[in-house]
């Protein structure tokens, strides 16, 4: 699932980071279609562990700078995703890149991206726009 304009939050730095996430998720999906996901999932998980923490820190810093009232809710959602990601990494390390881990990675990443951006992150952009 590629990033589309309707997923734009309206905050350039956040949108650019979301696009990078979508590019990585798209590569996992393509690798799965080409039966190469097993070789890519470890790389994706490493990227997600590093990039997610940076993205969440940047996003939370931005929310704090504009006085966004939904920051605590976002922080809880971010912490839950990091916990899910840690579990997925642990599953990968213990069972290798079996089909279930690949499916869970796809489901988790795409579900998070579309749901979280559509329902939570868009509110950040709306709030920032209303403040101007």
C-alpha atoms as a PDB file:
ATOM      1  CA  UNK A   1       0.000   0.000   0.000  1.00  0.00           C
ATOM      2  CA  UNK A   2       1.689   3.197  -1.120  1.00  0.00           C
ATOM      3  CA  UNK A   3       1.511   6.503   0.747  1.00  0.00           C
ATOM      4  CA  UNK A   4      -1.168   8.723  -0.724  1.00  0.00           C
ATOM      5  CA  UNK A   5      -1.960  12.402  -0.280  1.00  0.00           C
ATOM      6  CA  UNK A   6      -5.073  11.625   1.790  1.00  0.00           C
ATOM      7  CA  UNK A   7      -2.687  10.317   4.491  1.00  0.00           C
ATOM      8  CA  UNK A   8      -0.992  13.696   4.732  1.00  0.00           C
ATOM      9  CA  UNK A   9      -0.995  15.144   8.222  1.00  0.00           C
ATOM     10  CA  UNK A  10      -0.166  18.584   6.885  1.00  0.00           C
ATOM     11  CA  UNK A  11       3.124  18.834   8.793  1.00  0.00           C
ATOM     12  CA  UNK A  12       5.990  18.397   6.341  1.00  0.00           C
ATOM     13  CA  UNK A  13       8.501  16.646   8.609  1.00  0.00           C
ATOM     14  CA  UNK A  14       5.901  14.183   9.891  1.00  0.00           C
ATOM     15  CA  UNK A  15       4.615  13.498   6.371  1.00  0.00           C
ATOM     16  CA  UNK A  16       8.140  12.871   5.068  1.00  0.00           C
ATOM     17  CA  UNK A  17       8.854  10.408   7.858  1.00  0.00           C
ATOM     18  CA  UNK A  18       5.540   8.635   7.230  1.00  0.00           C
ATOM     19  CA  UNK A  19       6.429   8.347   3.531  1.00  0.00           C
ATOM     20  CA  UNK A  20       9.700   6.626   4.481  1.00  0.00           C
ATOM     21  CA  UNK A  21       7.749   4.141   6.607  1.00  0.00           C
ATOM     22  CA  UNK A  22       5.426   3.410   3.709  1.00  0.00           C
ATOM     23  CA  UNK A  23       8.372   2.870   1.356  1.00  0.00           C
ATOM     24  CA  UNK A  24       9.802   0.256   3.726  1.00  0.00           C
ATOM     25  CA  UNK A  25       6.420  -1.421   4.175  1.00  0.00           C
ATOM     26  CA  UNK A  26       5.949  -1.470   0.411  1.00  0.00           C
ATOM     27  CA  UNK A  27       9.343  -3.173   0.014  1.00  0.00           C
ATOM     28  CA  UNK A  28       8.284  -5.857   2.493  1.00  0.00           C
ATOM     29  CA  UNK A  29       5.029  -6.390   0.594  1.00  0.00           C
ATOM     30  CA  UNK A  30       6.886  -6.613  -2.726  1.00  0.00           C
ATOM     31  CA  UNK A  31       9.445  -8.976  -1.227  1.00  0.00           C
ATOM     32  CA  UNK A  32       6.570 -11.157  -0.014  1.00  0.00           C
ATOM     33  CA  UNK A  33       5.017 -11.241  -3.483  1.00  0.00           C
ATOM     34  CA  UNK A  34       8.391 -12.271  -4.905  1.00  0.00           C
ATOM     35  CA  UNK A  35       8.906 -14.856  -2.140  1.00  0.00           C
ATOM     36  CA  UNK A  36      11.864 -12.905  -0.768  1.00  0.00           C
ATOM     37  CA  UNK A  37      10.281 -11.581   2.448  1.00  0.00           C
ATOM     38  CA  UNK A  38      12.263 -13.989   4.612  1.00  0.00           C
ATOM     39  CA  UNK A  39      15.477 -12.249   3.633  1.00  0.00           C
ATOM     40  CA  UNK A  40      14.043  -8.777   4.049  1.00  0.00           C
ATOM     41  CA  UNK A  41      12.151  -8.997   7.325  1.00  0.00           C
ATOM     42  CA  UNK A  42      15.254  -8.817   9.534  1.00  0.00           C
ATOM     43  CA  UNK A  43      16.373  -5.686   7.728  1.00  0.00           C
ATOM     44  CA  UNK A  44      12.892  -4.176   8.048  1.00  0.00           C
ATOM     45  CA  UNK A  45      12.704  -4.892  11.769  1.00  0.00           C
ATOM     46  CA  UNK A  46      16.106  -3.309  12.374  1.00  0.00           C
ATOM     47  CA  UNK A  47      15.055  -0.235  10.409  1.00  0.00           C
ATOM     48  CA  UNK A  48      11.724  -0.005  12.245  1.00  0.00           C
ATOM     49  CA  UNK A  49      13.308  -0.285  15.671  1.00  0.00           C
ATOM     50  CA  UNK A  50      15.647   2.640  14.982  1.00  0.00           C
ATOM     51  CA  UNK A  51      13.449   4.787  12.763  1.00  0.00           C
ATOM     52  CA  UNK A  52      10.297   4.388  14.834  1.00  0.00           C
ATOM     53  CA  UNK A  53      11.961   5.689  17.980  1.00  0.00           C
ATOM     54  CA  UNK A  54      13.351   8.695  16.093  1.00  0.00           C
ATOM     55  CA  UNK A  55      10.026   9.397  14.395  1.00  0.00           C
ATOM     56  CA  UNK A  56       8.050   9.142  17.616  1.00  0.00           C
ATOM     57  CA  UNK A  57      10.516  11.415  19.425  1.00  0.00           C
ATOM     58  CA  UNK A  58      10.322  13.987  16.605  1.00  0.00           C
ATOM     59  CA  UNK A  59       6.543  13.785  16.468  1.00  0.00           C
ATOM     60  CA  UNK A  60       6.157  14.103  20.239  1.00  0.00           C
ATOM     61  CA  UNK A  61       8.585  17.035  20.334  1.00  0.00           C
ATOM     62  CA  UNK A  62       6.527  18.769  17.632  1.00  0.00           C
ATOM     63  CA  UNK A  63       3.264  18.100  19.503  1.00  0.00           C
ATOM     64  CA  UNK A  64       4.800  19.511  22.655  1.00  0.00           C
ATOM     65  CA  UNK A  65       5.985  22.623  20.798  1.00  0.00           C
ATOM     66  CA  UNK A  66       2.457  23.447  19.606  1.00  0.00           C
ATOM     67  CA  UNK A  67       0.765  22.536  22.893  1.00  0.00           C
ATOM     68  CA  UNK A  68      -1.136  19.638  21.360  1.00  0.00           C
ATOM     69  CA  UNK A  69      -3.644  18.346  23.953  1.00  0.00           C
ATOM     70  CA  UNK A  70      -3.624  14.795  22.569  1.00  0.00           C
ATOM     71  CA  UNK A  71       0.066  14.250  23.360  1.00  0.00           C
ATOM     72  CA  UNK A  72      -0.504  11.796  26.267  1.00  0.00           C
ATOM     73  CA  UNK A  73      -2.789   9.644  24.088  1.00  0.00           C
ATOM     74  CA  UNK A  74      -0.188   9.680  21.307  1.00  0.00           C
ATOM     75  CA  UNK A  75       2.568   8.726  23.735  1.00  0.00           C
ATOM     76  CA  UNK A  76       0.518   5.729  24.911  1.00  0.00           C
ATOM     77  CA  UNK A  77      -0.109   4.625  21.313  1.00  0.00           C
ATOM     78  CA  UNK A  78       3.578   5.061  20.465  1.00  0.00           C
ATOM     79  CA  UNK A  79       4.639   3.019  23.500  1.00  0.00           C
ATOM     80  CA  UNK A  80       2.177   0.258  22.565  1.00  0.00           C
ATOM     81  CA  UNK A  81       3.557   0.122  19.014  1.00  0.00           C
ATOM     82  CA  UNK A  82       7.145  -0.051  20.267  1.00  0.00           C
ATOM     83  CA  UNK A  83       6.098  -2.920  22.541  1.00  0.00           C
ATOM     84  CA  UNK A  84       4.433  -4.737  19.597  1.00  0.00           C
ATOM     85  CA  UNK A  85       7.536  -4.173  17.525  1.00  0.00           C
ATOM     86  CA  UNK A  86       9.733  -5.598  20.290  1.00  0.00           C
ATOM     87  CA  UNK A  87       7.508  -8.690  20.433  1.00  0.00           C
ATOM     88  CA  UNK A  88       7.678  -9.093  16.664  1.00  0.00           C
ATOM     89  CA  UNK A  89      11.476  -8.821  16.800  1.00  0.00           C
ATOM     90  CA  UNK A  90      11.600 -11.410  19.564  1.00  0.00           C
ATOM     91  CA  UNK A  91       9.367 -13.729  17.511  1.00  0.00           C
ATOM     92  CA  UNK A  92      11.632 -13.251  14.514  1.00  0.00           C
ATOM     93  CA  UNK A  93      14.774 -13.988  16.509  1.00  0.00           C
ATOM     94  CA  UNK A  94      13.298 -17.117  18.093  1.00  0.00           C
ATOM     95  CA  UNK A  95      11.544 -18.619  15.063  1.00  0.00           C
ATOM     96  CA  UNK A  96      13.323 -17.043  12.133  1.00  0.00           C
ATOM     97  CA  UNK A  97      11.470 -15.627   9.211  1.00  0.00           C
ATOM     98  CA  UNK A  98       8.590 -18.071   9.150  1.00  0.00           C
ATOM     99  CA  UNK A  99       5.406 -17.175   7.322  1.00  0.00           C
ATOM    100  CA  UNK A 100       3.523 -16.166  10.476  1.00  0.00           C
ATOM    101  CA  UNK A 101       6.192 -13.610  11.430  1.00  0.00           C
ATOM    102  CA  UNK A 102       6.123 -12.178   7.893  1.00  0.00           C
ATOM    103  CA  UNK A 103       2.315 -11.929   7.916  1.00  0.00           C
ATOM    104  CA  UNK A 104       2.342 -10.352  11.387  1.00  0.00           C
ATOM    105  CA  UNK A 105       4.964  -7.816  10.277  1.00  0.00           C
ATOM    106  CA  UNK A 106       2.915  -6.849   7.224  1.00  0.00           C
ATOM    107  CA  UNK A 107      -0.322  -6.638   9.191  1.00  0.00           C
ATOM    108  CA  UNK A 108       1.169  -4.697  12.060  1.00  0.00           C
ATOM    109  CA  UNK A 109       3.080  -2.174   9.973  1.00  0.00           C
ATOM    110  CA  UNK A 110       0.351  -1.461   7.432  1.00  0.00           C
ATOM    111  CA  UNK A 111      -2.396  -1.496  10.056  1.00  0.00           C
ATOM    112  CA  UNK A 112      -0.480   0.886  12.262  1.00  0.00           C
ATOM    113  CA  UNK A 113       0.423   3.211   9.446  1.00  0.00           C
ATOM    114  CA  UNK A 114      -3.039   3.558   7.990  1.00  0.00           C
ATOM    115  CA  UNK A 115      -5.035   3.512  11.232  1.00  0.00           C
ATOM    116  CA  UNK A 116      -2.730   5.608  13.370  1.00  0.00           C
ATOM    117  CA  UNK A 117      -2.108   8.230  10.707  1.00  0.00           C
ATOM    118  CA  UNK A 118      -5.756   8.424   9.664  1.00  0.00           C
ATOM    119  CA  UNK A 119      -7.227   8.541  13.157  1.00  0.00           C
ATOM    120  CA  UNK A 120      -4.598  10.105  15.385  1.00  0.00           C
ATOM    121  CA  UNK A 121      -1.855  11.877  13.451  1.00  0.00           C
ATOM    122  CA  UNK A 122      -4.226  13.814  11.208  1.00  0.00           C
ATOM    123  CA  UNK A 123      -5.563  15.504  14.349  1.00  0.00           C
ATOM    124  CA  UNK A 124      -2.092  16.954  14.961  1.00  0.00           C
ATOM    125  CA  UNK A 125      -2.163  18.678  11.579  1.00  0.00           C
ATOM    126  CA  UNK A 126      -5.728  19.897  12.141  1.00  0.00           C
ATOM    127  CA  UNK A 127      -4.767  21.327  15.520  1.00  0.00           C
ATOM    128  CA  UNK A 128      -1.645  23.017  14.115  1.00  0.00           C
ATOM    129  CA  UNK A 129      -3.646  24.501  11.240  1.00  0.00           C
ATOM    130  CA  UNK A 130      -6.341  25.818  13.589  1.00  0.00           C
ATOM    131  CA  UNK A 131      -3.673  27.487  15.764  1.00  0.00           C
ATOM    132  CA  UNK A 132      -2.328  29.546  12.853  1.00  0.00           C
END
